[in-house]
Amino acid sequence: MPDHKIDQLKVEIAACRLCSAYLPAGPRPVVQISATAKLLIIGQAPGNRVHQTGIPWNDPSGNRLREWTGLSVSEFYDATKVALMPMGFCYPGTGPSGDFPPRAECAPMWHGKIRQLMPDIGLTLLVGSYAQARYIPTKPKQSLTENVRNFQNFGETIFPLPHPSWRSSGWMKRNPWFEADVLPELRRVVQRFK
């Protein structure tokens, strides 16, 4: 796949103002994409720190996600191997109970275009309920916990995960099988795409 198509798409994404009226900090789309990436991580939306730096997952959640996957910082930010694509590309702002959800306009606008230019993706990590709601075709809808517990049901191309925010600490305590059973398998699968 020619790099110029990805480069052109990056320019278009950087210029996106689709939902700027709803972004208190203004638009600053944050993605990491490459035509050669083999691992795709779909998260929620950038937090304030990521908005400030323009570096995806540049926060404690990113540290925890790298720990979960077994990827080093340099491996995680190697765009030739790892693509980072949130459900919403811009920081949505903060409300009384944390960051607002990702803007709903973003994924329909950009995800299909991006995925079309990344034909080598072999594994997609669906981080959090927003990514899972869009990409896991379950009927009736399963909870995030059920998706993560039953990760084997999605084959070796999709791997659902909870969001690695500080709030996941309590979830992990209530679900000790995640560390015992899921994380070792996640690291094993991710190793193939490093």
N, C-alpha and C. Protein backbone atom coordinates (compact mmCIF):
# COMPACT_ATOMS: atom_id res chain seq x y z
N MET A 1 0.85 -1.18 0.00
CA MET A 1 0.00 0.00 0.00
C MET A 1 0.90 1.24 0.00
N PRO A 2 0.73 2.13 -0.95
CA PRO A 2 1.58 3.31 -1.01
C PRO A 2 1.45 4.20 0.23
N ASP A 3 2.61 4.65 0.73
CA ASP A 3 2.61 5.50 1.91
C ASP A 3 1.92 6.83 1.66
N HIS A 4 1.91 7.30 0.42
CA HIS A 4 1.32 8.63 0.17
C HIS A 4 -0.17 8.67 0.49
N LYS A 5 -0.86 7.54 0.36
CA LYS A 5 -2.29 7.53 0.71
C LYS A 5 -2.49 7.69 2.21
N ILE A 6 -1.67 7.01 2.99
CA ILE A 6 -1.74 7.16 4.45
C ILE A 6 -1.33 8.58 4.83
N ASP A 7 -0.26 9.10 4.21
CA ASP A 7 0.18 10.46 4.52
C ASP A 7 -0.91 11.47 4.22
N GLN A 8 -1.60 11.31 3.09
CA GLN A 8 -2.69 12.22 2.74
C GLN A 8 -3.83 12.11 3.75
N LEU A 9 -4.13 10.89 4.17
CA LEU A 9 -5.19 10.71 5.16
C LEU A 9 -4.82 11.36 6.49
N LYS A 10 -3.56 11.26 6.89
CA LYS A 10 -3.12 11.92 8.13
C LYS A 10 -3.33 13.42 8.05
N VAL A 11 -3.05 14.01 6.90
CA VAL A 11 -3.26 15.45 6.70
C VAL A 11 -4.74 15.78 6.84
N GLU A 12 -5.60 14.97 6.24
CA GLU A 12 -7.04 15.19 6.32
C GLU A 12 -7.54 15.07 7.76
N ILE A 13 -7.04 14.06 8.48
CA ILE A 13 -7.45 13.88 9.87
C ILE A 13 -7.00 15.06 10.72
N ALA A 14 -5.76 15.50 10.54
CA ALA A 14 -5.24 16.63 11.31
C ALA A 14 -6.06 17.90 11.09
N ALA A 15 -6.64 18.04 9.90
CA ALA A 15 -7.42 19.23 9.57
C ALA A 15 -8.90 19.10 9.95
N CYS A 16 -9.30 17.95 10.48
CA CYS A 16 -10.72 17.71 10.77
C CYS A 16 -11.24 18.68 11.83
N ARG A 17 -12.39 19.26 11.54
CA ARG A 17 -13.07 20.15 12.48
C ARG A 17 -14.54 19.75 12.63
N LEU A 18 -14.85 18.50 12.32
CA LEU A 18 -16.21 17.99 12.27
C LEU A 18 -17.01 18.30 13.54
N CYS A 19 -16.41 18.09 14.69
CA CYS A 19 -17.16 18.31 15.93
C CYS A 19 -16.51 19.37 16.82
N SER A 20 -15.79 20.31 16.22
CA SER A 20 -15.06 21.31 17.00
C SER A 20 -15.96 22.13 17.92
N ALA A 21 -17.21 22.34 17.52
CA ALA A 21 -18.13 23.12 18.36
C ALA A 21 -18.41 22.44 19.70
N TYR A 22 -18.13 21.14 19.79
CA TYR A 22 -18.43 20.38 21.01
C TYR A 22 -17.18 20.04 21.82
N LEU A 23 -16.04 20.56 21.41
CA LEU A 23 -14.79 20.23 22.07
C LEU A 23 -14.29 21.43 22.87
N PRO A 24 -14.42 21.41 24.21
CA PRO A 24 -14.04 22.58 25.01
C PRO A 24 -12.57 22.99 24.84
N ALA A 25 -11.68 22.04 24.61
CA ALA A 25 -10.26 22.36 24.43
C ALA A 25 -9.89 22.56 22.96
N GLY A 26 -10.87 22.45 22.07
CA GLY A 26 -10.61 22.60 20.65
C GLY A 26 -10.17 21.27 20.03
N PRO A 27 -10.18 21.20 18.70
CA PRO A 27 -9.79 19.96 18.04
C PRO A 27 -8.28 19.77 18.01
N ARG A 28 -7.85 18.57 18.25
CA ARG A 28 -6.47 18.13 18.07
C ARG A 28 -6.51 16.62 17.89
N PRO A 29 -6.81 16.16 16.68
CA PRO A 29 -6.91 14.72 16.45
C PRO A 29 -5.58 14.01 16.73
N VAL A 30 -5.67 12.91 17.47
CA VAL A 30 -4.47 12.15 17.84
C VAL A 30 -4.65 10.70 17.39
N VAL A 31 -3.84 10.30 16.41
CA VAL A 31 -3.83 8.92 15.91
C VAL A 31 -2.39 8.54 15.57
N GLN A 32 -2.16 7.24 15.45
CA GLN A 32 -0.87 6.72 14.96
C GLN A 32 -1.23 5.63 13.96
N ILE A 33 -0.97 5.89 12.67
CA ILE A 33 -1.35 4.93 11.64
C ILE A 33 -0.21 4.76 10.63
N SER A 34 -0.18 3.58 10.02
CA SER A 34 0.83 3.25 9.02
C SER A 34 0.30 2.13 8.15
N ALA A 35 0.66 2.15 6.90
CA ALA A 35 0.21 1.11 5.96
C ALA A 35 0.79 -0.26 6.30
N THR A 36 1.86 -0.30 7.11
CA THR A 36 2.52 -1.57 7.42
C THR A 36 2.16 -2.12 8.80
N ALA A 37 1.35 -1.38 9.57
CA ALA A 37 1.01 -1.81 10.94
C ALA A 37 0.33 -3.18 10.92
N LYS A 38 0.66 -3.98 11.91
CA LYS A 38 0.09 -5.32 12.04
C LYS A 38 -0.83 -5.45 13.26
N LEU A 39 -0.64 -4.56 14.22
CA LEU A 39 -1.43 -4.54 15.46
C LEU A 39 -2.19 -3.22 15.52
N LEU A 40 -3.50 -3.28 15.72
CA LEU A 40 -4.34 -2.09 15.82
C LEU A 40 -4.94 -2.06 17.23
N ILE A 41 -4.77 -0.93 17.90
CA ILE A 41 -5.35 -0.73 19.22
C ILE A 41 -6.39 0.37 19.10
N ILE A 42 -7.65 -0.01 19.36
CA ILE A 42 -8.74 0.95 19.30
C ILE A 42 -9.18 1.27 20.72
N GLY A 43 -8.96 2.50 21.13
CA GLY A 43 -9.32 2.93 22.47
C GLY A 43 -10.54 3.83 22.46
N GLN A 44 -10.65 4.70 23.46
CA GLN A 44 -11.82 5.57 23.60
C GLN A 44 -11.56 6.92 22.95
N ALA A 45 -10.89 7.81 23.67
CA ALA A 45 -10.58 9.16 23.18
C ALA A 45 -9.40 9.67 23.99
N PRO A 46 -8.64 10.59 23.43
CA PRO A 46 -7.52 11.15 24.19
C PRO A 46 -7.99 11.84 25.46
N GLY A 47 -7.19 11.74 26.49
CA GLY A 47 -7.41 12.52 27.70
C GLY A 47 -6.72 13.87 27.56
N ASN A 48 -6.81 14.68 28.60
CA ASN A 48 -6.23 16.02 28.55
C ASN A 48 -4.72 16.00 28.32
N ARG A 49 -4.02 15.09 28.99
CA ARG A 49 -2.55 15.02 28.83
C ARG A 49 -2.18 14.66 27.39
N VAL A 50 -2.91 13.71 26.81
CA VAL A 50 -2.66 13.34 25.42
C VAL A 50 -2.98 14.53 24.51
N HIS A 51 -4.05 15.24 24.80
CA HIS A 51 -4.40 16.44 24.02
C HIS A 51 -3.26 17.45 24.06
N GLN A 52 -2.68 17.64 25.24
CA GLN A 52 -1.59 18.62 25.39
C GLN A 52 -0.33 18.21 24.63
N THR A 53 0.00 16.93 24.65
CA THR A 53 1.26 16.47 24.05
C THR A 53 1.10 16.01 22.60
N GLY A 54 -0.10 15.59 22.22
CA GLY A 54 -0.30 15.03 20.89
C GLY A 54 0.22 13.62 20.73
N ILE A 55 0.59 12.98 21.85
CA ILE A 55 1.13 11.62 21.82
C ILE A 55 0.06 10.67 22.38
N PRO A 56 -0.41 9.70 21.57
CA PRO A 56 -1.46 8.81 22.04
C PRO A 56 -1.02 7.96 23.23
N TRP A 57 -1.95 7.74 24.15
CA TRP A 57 -1.72 6.89 25.32
C TRP A 57 -0.51 7.38 26.14
N ASN A 58 -0.25 8.68 26.14
CA ASN A 58 0.86 9.26 26.89
C ASN A 58 0.37 9.68 28.28
N ASP A 59 -0.04 8.68 29.04
CA ASP A 59 -0.63 8.93 30.36
C ASP A 59 -0.59 7.64 31.17
N PRO A 60 -1.03 7.66 32.42
CA PRO A 60 -1.02 6.42 33.22
C PRO A 60 -1.80 5.28 32.59
N SER A 61 -2.89 5.58 31.87
CA SER A 61 -3.63 4.51 31.19
C SER A 61 -2.75 3.83 30.15
N GLY A 62 -1.97 4.62 29.43
CA GLY A 62 -1.05 4.06 28.44
C GLY A 62 0.02 3.20 29.09
N ASN A 63 0.51 3.63 30.25
CA ASN A 63 1.50 2.83 30.97
C ASN A 63 0.92 1.46 31.33
N ARG A 64 -0.31 1.48 31.82
CA ARG A 64 -0.96 0.22 32.20
C ARG A 64 -1.22 -0.65 30.96
N LEU A 65 -1.67 -0.04 29.87
CA LEU A 65 -1.92 -0.80 28.65
C LEU A 65 -0.63 -1.44 28.12
N ARG A 66 0.46 -0.70 28.16
CA ARG A 66 1.75 -1.28 27.72
C ARG A 66 2.16 -2.43 28.64
N GLU A 67 1.91 -2.28 29.93
CA GLU A 67 2.21 -3.37 30.87
C GLU A 67 1.36 -4.60 30.54
N TRP A 68 0.08 -4.39 30.30
CA TRP A 68 -0.81 -5.50 29.97
C TRP A 68 -0.35 -6.23 28.71
N THR A 69 0.05 -5.48 27.69
CA THR A 69 0.39 -6.09 26.40
C THR A 69 1.80 -6.64 26.36
N GLY A 70 2.66 -6.18 27.27
CA GLY A 70 4.06 -6.58 27.22
C GLY A 70 4.86 -5.80 26.18
N LEU A 71 4.29 -4.74 25.63
CA LEU A 71 5.01 -3.92 24.65
C LEU A 71 5.83 -2.86 25.37
N SER A 72 7.06 -2.69 24.93
CA SER A 72 7.88 -1.61 25.46
C SER A 72 7.38 -0.29 24.87
N VAL A 73 7.85 0.82 25.42
CA VAL A 73 7.47 2.13 24.90
C VAL A 73 7.88 2.25 23.43
N SER A 74 9.10 1.82 23.11
CA SER A 74 9.55 1.94 21.71
C SER A 74 8.75 1.03 20.78
N GLU A 75 8.37 -0.14 21.23
CA GLU A 75 7.54 -1.03 20.40
C GLU A 75 6.14 -0.44 20.21
N PHE A 76 5.59 0.08 21.28
CA PHE A 76 4.23 0.64 21.26
C PHE A 76 4.14 1.82 20.29
N TYR A 77 5.17 2.65 20.25
CA TYR A 77 5.15 3.83 19.40
C TYR A 77 5.84 3.62 18.05
N ASP A 78 6.08 2.38 17.68
CA ASP A 78 6.61 2.07 16.35
C ASP A 78 5.42 1.97 15.39
N ALA A 79 5.14 3.07 14.71
CA ALA A 79 3.97 3.14 13.84
C ALA A 79 4.03 2.15 12.69
N THR A 80 5.21 1.66 12.36
CA THR A 80 5.29 0.67 11.27
C THR A 80 4.69 -0.66 11.69
N LYS A 81 4.53 -0.86 13.02
CA LYS A 81 3.99 -2.12 13.53
C LYS A 81 2.69 -1.95 14.30
N VAL A 82 2.53 -0.84 15.01
CA VAL A 82 1.38 -0.64 15.89
C VAL A 82 0.61 0.61 15.47
N ALA A 83 -0.68 0.44 15.20
CA ALA A 83 -1.57 1.57 14.91
C ALA A 83 -2.42 1.85 16.14
N LEU A 84 -2.60 3.13 16.44
CA LEU A 84 -3.38 3.56 17.60
C LEU A 84 -4.50 4.46 17.09
N MET A 85 -5.73 3.97 17.20
CA MET A 85 -6.88 4.65 16.63
C MET A 85 -8.01 4.67 17.65
N PRO A 86 -8.27 5.81 18.27
CA PRO A 86 -9.38 5.85 19.23
C PRO A 86 -10.74 5.96 18.55
N MET A 87 -11.78 5.78 19.33
CA MET A 87 -13.14 5.95 18.82
C MET A 87 -13.41 7.42 18.52
N GLY A 88 -12.85 8.28 19.32
CA GLY A 88 -12.91 9.73 19.08
C GLY A 88 -11.48 10.23 19.07
N PHE A 89 -11.09 10.98 18.05
CA PHE A 89 -9.69 11.37 17.89
C PHE A 89 -9.29 12.57 18.74
N CYS A 90 -10.26 13.31 19.26
CA CYS A 90 -9.98 14.52 20.03
C CYS A 90 -10.45 14.37 21.48
N TYR A 91 -9.80 15.10 22.35
CA TYR A 91 -10.17 15.14 23.77
C TYR A 91 -11.58 15.72 23.90
N PRO A 92 -12.53 14.96 24.46
CA PRO A 92 -13.92 15.42 24.52
C PRO A 92 -14.24 16.35 25.68
N GLY A 93 -13.29 16.59 26.57
CA GLY A 93 -13.54 17.40 27.75
C GLY A 93 -13.92 16.53 28.93
N THR A 94 -14.02 17.17 30.09
CA THR A 94 -14.28 16.45 31.33
C THR A 94 -15.59 16.91 31.95
N GLY A 95 -16.32 15.95 32.48
CA GLY A 95 -17.57 16.24 33.18
C GLY A 95 -17.42 15.92 34.65
N PRO A 96 -18.53 15.88 35.39
CA PRO A 96 -18.47 15.65 36.82
C PRO A 96 -17.90 14.30 37.23
N SER A 97 -18.01 13.28 36.37
CA SER A 97 -17.52 11.95 36.76
C SER A 97 -16.38 11.45 35.87
N GLY A 98 -15.67 12.36 35.24
CA GLY A 98 -14.54 11.97 34.39
C GLY A 98 -14.70 12.51 32.99
N ASP A 99 -13.86 12.03 32.09
CA ASP A 99 -13.91 12.51 30.71
C ASP A 99 -15.24 12.15 30.06
N PHE A 100 -15.71 13.03 29.19
CA PHE A 100 -16.92 12.74 28.42
C PHE A 100 -16.64 11.59 27.46
N PRO A 101 -17.69 10.94 26.96
CA PRO A 101 -17.49 9.86 25.99
C PRO A 101 -16.88 10.41 24.69
N PRO A 102 -16.30 9.53 23.88
CA PRO A 102 -15.79 9.97 22.59
C PRO A 102 -16.93 10.53 21.73
N ARG A 103 -16.61 11.52 20.92
CA ARG A 103 -17.62 12.09 20.03
C ARG A 103 -18.09 11.01 19.05
N ALA A 104 -19.38 10.92 18.87
CA ALA A 104 -19.97 9.86 18.05
C ALA A 104 -19.71 10.06 16.55
N GLU A 105 -19.36 11.26 16.13
CA GLU A 105 -19.14 11.53 14.70
C GLU A 105 -17.84 10.95 14.17
N CYS A 106 -16.88 10.77 15.02
CA CYS A 106 -15.51 10.48 14.61
C CYS A 106 -15.33 9.10 13.96
N ALA A 107 -15.70 8.06 14.65
CA ALA A 107 -15.48 6.70 14.13
C ALA A 107 -16.16 6.48 12.78
N PRO A 108 -17.43 6.87 12.61
CA PRO A 108 -18.04 6.66 11.29
C PRO A 108 -17.34 7.45 10.18
N MET A 109 -16.81 8.60 10.53
CA MET A 109 -16.13 9.44 9.54
C MET A 109 -14.78 8.86 9.11
N TRP A 110 -14.00 8.33 10.05
CA TRP A 110 -12.59 8.01 9.78
C TRP A 110 -12.21 6.54 9.82
N HIS A 111 -12.82 5.74 10.65
CA HIS A 111 -12.34 4.37 10.85
C HIS A 111 -12.29 3.54 9.57
N GLY A 112 -13.33 3.58 8.78
CA GLY A 112 -13.34 2.80 7.54
C GLY A 112 -12.22 3.20 6.60
N LYS A 113 -11.99 4.50 6.47
CA LYS A 113 -10.93 5.01 5.59
C LYS A 113 -9.56 4.54 6.08
N ILE A 114 -9.35 4.59 7.37
CA ILE A 114 -8.06 4.18 7.94
C ILE A 114 -7.87 2.68 7.77
N ARG A 115 -8.86 1.91 8.17
CA ARG A 115 -8.72 0.44 8.11
C ARG A 115 -8.49 -0.04 6.68
N GLN A 116 -9.07 0.62 5.72
CA GLN A 116 -8.88 0.25 4.31
C GLN A 116 -7.42 0.39 3.88
N LEU A 117 -6.69 1.32 4.49
CA LEU A 117 -5.30 1.57 4.12
C LEU A 117 -4.31 0.80 5.00
N MET A 118 -4.83 -0.06 5.87
CA MET A 118 -3.96 -0.88 6.73
C MET A 118 -4.31 -2.36 6.53
N PRO A 119 -3.93 -2.92 5.39
CA PRO A 119 -4.35 -4.29 5.05
C PRO A 119 -3.64 -5.38 5.84
N ASP A 120 -2.55 -5.05 6.53
CA ASP A 120 -1.77 -6.08 7.23
C ASP A 120 -2.16 -6.27 8.69
N ILE A 121 -3.21 -5.57 9.15
CA ILE A 121 -3.62 -5.72 10.55
C ILE A 121 -4.03 -7.17 10.78
N GLY A 122 -3.34 -7.79 11.74
CA GLY A 122 -3.64 -9.18 12.07
C GLY A 122 -4.33 -9.33 13.41
N LEU A 123 -4.19 -8.30 14.27
CA LEU A 123 -4.78 -8.35 15.60
C LEU A 123 -5.30 -6.96 15.95
N THR A 124 -6.54 -6.91 16.44
CA THR A 124 -7.14 -5.66 16.89
C THR A 124 -7.50 -5.79 18.36
N LEU A 125 -6.94 -4.90 19.19
CA LEU A 125 -7.30 -4.84 20.60
C LEU A 125 -8.41 -3.81 20.76
N LEU A 126 -9.55 -4.24 21.29
CA LEU A 126 -10.69 -3.36 21.52
C LEU A 126 -10.69 -2.96 22.99
N VAL A 127 -10.22 -1.75 23.25
CA VAL A 127 -9.99 -1.30 24.61
C VAL A 127 -11.17 -0.45 25.09
N GLY A 128 -11.96 -1.03 25.96
CA GLY A 128 -13.09 -0.32 26.53
C GLY A 128 -14.40 -0.61 25.83
N SER A 129 -15.47 -0.17 26.47
CA SER A 129 -16.81 -0.51 26.01
C SER A 129 -17.20 0.16 24.70
N TYR A 130 -16.69 1.35 24.42
CA TYR A 130 -17.06 2.04 23.18
C TYR A 130 -16.54 1.30 21.96
N ALA A 131 -15.29 0.87 22.01
CA ALA A 131 -14.71 0.11 20.89
C ALA A 131 -15.41 -1.23 20.74
N GLN A 132 -15.71 -1.87 21.85
CA GLN A 132 -16.37 -3.17 21.78
C GLN A 132 -17.79 -3.05 21.25
N ALA A 133 -18.50 -2.00 21.63
CA ALA A 133 -19.87 -1.81 21.15
C ALA A 133 -19.89 -1.65 19.62
N ARG A 134 -18.86 -1.04 19.07
CA ARG A 134 -18.82 -0.83 17.62
C ARG A 134 -18.33 -2.06 16.86
N TYR A 135 -17.39 -2.80 17.42
CA TYR A 135 -16.71 -3.84 16.65
C TYR A 135 -16.99 -5.28 17.06
N ILE A 136 -17.74 -5.48 18.11
CA ILE A 136 -18.09 -6.86 18.49
C ILE A 136 -19.58 -7.07 18.20
N PRO A 137 -19.87 -7.89 17.22
CA PRO A 137 -21.27 -8.10 16.84
C PRO A 137 -21.94 -9.17 17.71
N THR A 138 -22.23 -8.83 18.96
CA THR A 138 -22.87 -9.80 19.85
C THR A 138 -24.34 -9.47 20.00
N LYS A 139 -25.15 -10.51 20.03
CA LYS A 139 -26.59 -10.36 20.22
C LYS A 139 -27.05 -11.45 21.17
N PRO A 140 -27.69 -11.13 22.28
CA PRO A 140 -27.85 -9.77 22.76
C PRO A 140 -26.52 -9.20 23.22
N LYS A 141 -26.46 -7.91 23.39
CA LYS A 141 -25.20 -7.25 23.77
C LYS A 141 -24.66 -7.86 25.07
N GLN A 142 -23.41 -8.24 25.03
CA GLN A 142 -22.75 -8.71 26.24
C GLN A 142 -22.12 -7.52 26.94
N SER A 143 -21.88 -7.67 28.22
CA SER A 143 -21.18 -6.62 28.96
C SER A 143 -19.70 -6.67 28.62
N LEU A 144 -19.01 -5.62 28.95
CA LEU A 144 -17.56 -5.58 28.77
C LEU A 144 -16.92 -6.75 29.50
N THR A 145 -17.36 -7.00 30.73
CA THR A 145 -16.79 -8.09 31.51
C THR A 145 -16.96 -9.43 30.80
N GLU A 146 -18.16 -9.66 30.25
CA GLU A 146 -18.39 -10.91 29.52
C GLU A 146 -17.53 -11.01 28.27
N ASN A 147 -17.38 -9.88 27.55
CA ASN A 147 -16.53 -9.89 26.36
C ASN A 147 -15.09 -10.24 26.72
N VAL A 148 -14.58 -9.61 27.78
CA VAL A 148 -13.18 -9.85 28.18
C VAL A 148 -13.02 -11.28 28.69
N ARG A 149 -13.94 -11.74 29.51
CA ARG A 149 -13.86 -13.11 30.05
C ARG A 149 -13.89 -14.15 28.92
N ASN A 150 -14.66 -13.87 27.88
CA ASN A 150 -14.83 -14.81 26.76
C ASN A 150 -14.02 -14.40 25.54
N PHE A 151 -12.85 -13.85 25.76
CA PHE A 151 -12.02 -13.34 24.66
C PHE A 151 -11.74 -14.40 23.59
N GLN A 152 -11.68 -15.68 23.99
CA GLN A 152 -11.40 -16.75 23.02
C GLN A 152 -12.50 -16.87 21.96
N ASN A 153 -13.70 -16.41 22.28
CA ASN A 153 -14.82 -16.51 21.35
C ASN A 153 -14.64 -15.65 20.11
N PHE A 154 -13.68 -14.72 20.15
CA PHE A 154 -13.52 -13.79 19.04
C PHE A 154 -12.35 -14.17 18.13
N GLY A 155 -11.82 -15.36 18.30
CA GLY A 155 -10.71 -15.82 17.47
C GLY A 155 -9.42 -15.13 17.86
N GLU A 156 -8.45 -15.19 16.96
CA GLU A 156 -7.15 -14.58 17.27
C GLU A 156 -6.93 -13.27 16.53
N THR A 157 -8.01 -12.67 16.04
CA THR A 157 -7.86 -11.38 15.35
C THR A 157 -8.46 -10.23 16.15
N ILE A 158 -9.32 -10.53 17.12
CA ILE A 158 -9.94 -9.50 17.97
C ILE A 158 -9.73 -9.90 19.42
N PHE A 159 -9.31 -8.92 20.24
CA PHE A 159 -9.08 -9.18 21.66
C PHE A 159 -9.68 -8.03 22.47
N PRO A 160 -10.81 -8.27 23.17
CA PRO A 160 -11.43 -7.22 23.98
C PRO A 160 -10.71 -7.06 25.32
N LEU A 161 -10.60 -5.80 25.74
CA LEU A 161 -9.97 -5.46 27.01
C LEU A 161 -10.78 -4.39 27.73
N PRO A 162 -10.67 -4.32 29.06
CA PRO A 162 -11.24 -3.17 29.76
C PRO A 162 -10.39 -1.94 29.48
N HIS A 163 -10.91 -0.78 29.79
CA HIS A 163 -10.07 0.42 29.65
C HIS A 163 -9.06 0.40 30.79
N PRO A 164 -7.80 0.72 30.52
CA PRO A 164 -6.76 0.63 31.56
C PRO A 164 -6.65 1.85 32.47
N SER A 165 -7.72 2.59 32.66
CA SER A 165 -7.68 3.76 33.54
C SER A 165 -7.54 3.32 34.99
N TRP A 166 -7.38 4.29 35.87
CA TRP A 166 -7.26 3.99 37.30
C TRP A 166 -8.50 3.25 37.81
N ARG A 167 -9.64 3.46 37.15
CA ARG A 167 -10.87 2.79 37.58
C ARG A 167 -10.81 1.28 37.37
N SER A 168 -9.95 0.83 36.47
CA SER A 168 -9.87 -0.62 36.22
C SER A 168 -9.24 -1.37 37.38
N SER A 169 -8.59 -0.66 38.29
CA SER A 169 -8.01 -1.34 39.47
C SER A 169 -9.09 -2.06 40.27
N GLY A 170 -10.20 -1.39 40.50
CA GLY A 170 -11.31 -2.02 41.23
C GLY A 170 -11.91 -3.17 40.43
N TRP A 171 -12.06 -2.96 39.11
CA TRP A 171 -12.60 -4.02 38.25
C TRP A 171 -11.70 -5.25 38.28
N MET A 172 -10.38 -5.03 38.27
CA MET A 172 -9.44 -6.15 38.29
C MET A 172 -9.52 -6.91 39.62
N LYS A 173 -9.73 -6.20 40.72
CA LYS A 173 -9.87 -6.87 42.02
C LYS A 173 -11.13 -7.74 42.06
N ARG A 174 -12.19 -7.25 41.41
CA ARG A 174 -13.44 -8.03 41.38
C ARG A 174 -13.37 -9.18 40.38
N ASN A 175 -12.44 -9.11 39.46
CA ASN A 175 -12.30 -10.11 38.40
C ASN A 175 -10.87 -10.63 38.32
N PRO A 176 -10.41 -11.39 39.33
CA PRO A 176 -9.01 -11.82 39.38
C PRO A 176 -8.62 -12.72 38.21
N TRP A 177 -9.57 -13.32 37.53
CA TRP A 177 -9.29 -14.15 36.35
C TRP A 177 -8.64 -13.33 35.24
N PHE A 178 -8.85 -11.99 35.24
CA PHE A 178 -8.27 -11.16 34.18
C PHE A 178 -6.75 -11.24 34.21
N GLU A 179 -6.16 -11.02 35.39
CA GLU A 179 -4.70 -11.10 35.49
C GLU A 179 -4.20 -12.52 35.35
N ALA A 180 -4.92 -13.46 35.91
CA ALA A 180 -4.46 -14.85 35.92
C ALA A 180 -4.59 -15.52 34.56
N ASP A 181 -5.68 -15.26 33.84
CA ASP A 181 -5.97 -16.01 32.61
C ASP A 181 -5.86 -15.18 31.32
N VAL A 182 -6.35 -13.94 31.38
CA VAL A 182 -6.44 -13.15 30.16
C VAL A 182 -5.10 -12.50 29.80
N LEU A 183 -4.45 -11.86 30.76
CA LEU A 183 -3.21 -11.13 30.44
C LEU A 183 -2.11 -12.03 29.88
N PRO A 184 -1.87 -13.22 30.42
CA PRO A 184 -0.84 -14.07 29.80
C PRO A 184 -1.16 -14.40 28.34
N GLU A 185 -2.43 -14.64 28.04
CA GLU A 185 -2.81 -14.94 26.67
C GLU A 185 -2.70 -13.70 25.79
N LEU A 186 -3.06 -12.55 26.31
CA LEU A 186 -2.90 -11.30 25.57
C LEU A 186 -1.43 -11.09 25.18
N ARG A 187 -0.54 -11.25 26.14
CA ARG A 187 0.89 -11.06 25.85
C ARG A 187 1.39 -12.06 24.83
N ARG A 188 0.92 -13.29 24.92
CA ARG A 188 1.32 -14.31 23.95
C ARG A 188 0.89 -13.93 22.53
N VAL A 189 -0.35 -13.48 22.38
CA VAL A 189 -0.87 -13.12 21.07
C VAL A 189 -0.17 -11.88 20.54
N VAL A 190 0.03 -10.88 21.38
CA VAL A 190 0.67 -9.63 20.96
C VAL A 190 2.10 -9.88 20.48
N GLN A 191 2.80 -10.84 21.10
CA GLN A 191 4.19 -11.16 20.72
C GLN A 191 4.33 -11.43 19.22
N ARG A 192 3.30 -12.02 18.63
CA ARG A 192 3.37 -12.35 17.21
C ARG A 192 3.38 -11.13 16.31
N PHE A 193 3.01 -9.96 16.84
CA PHE A 193 2.86 -8.76 16.01
C PHE A 193 3.84 -7.67 16.38
N LYS A 194 4.83 -7.98 17.21
CA LYS A 194 5.85 -6.99 17.61
C LYS A 194 6.84 -6.74 16.50
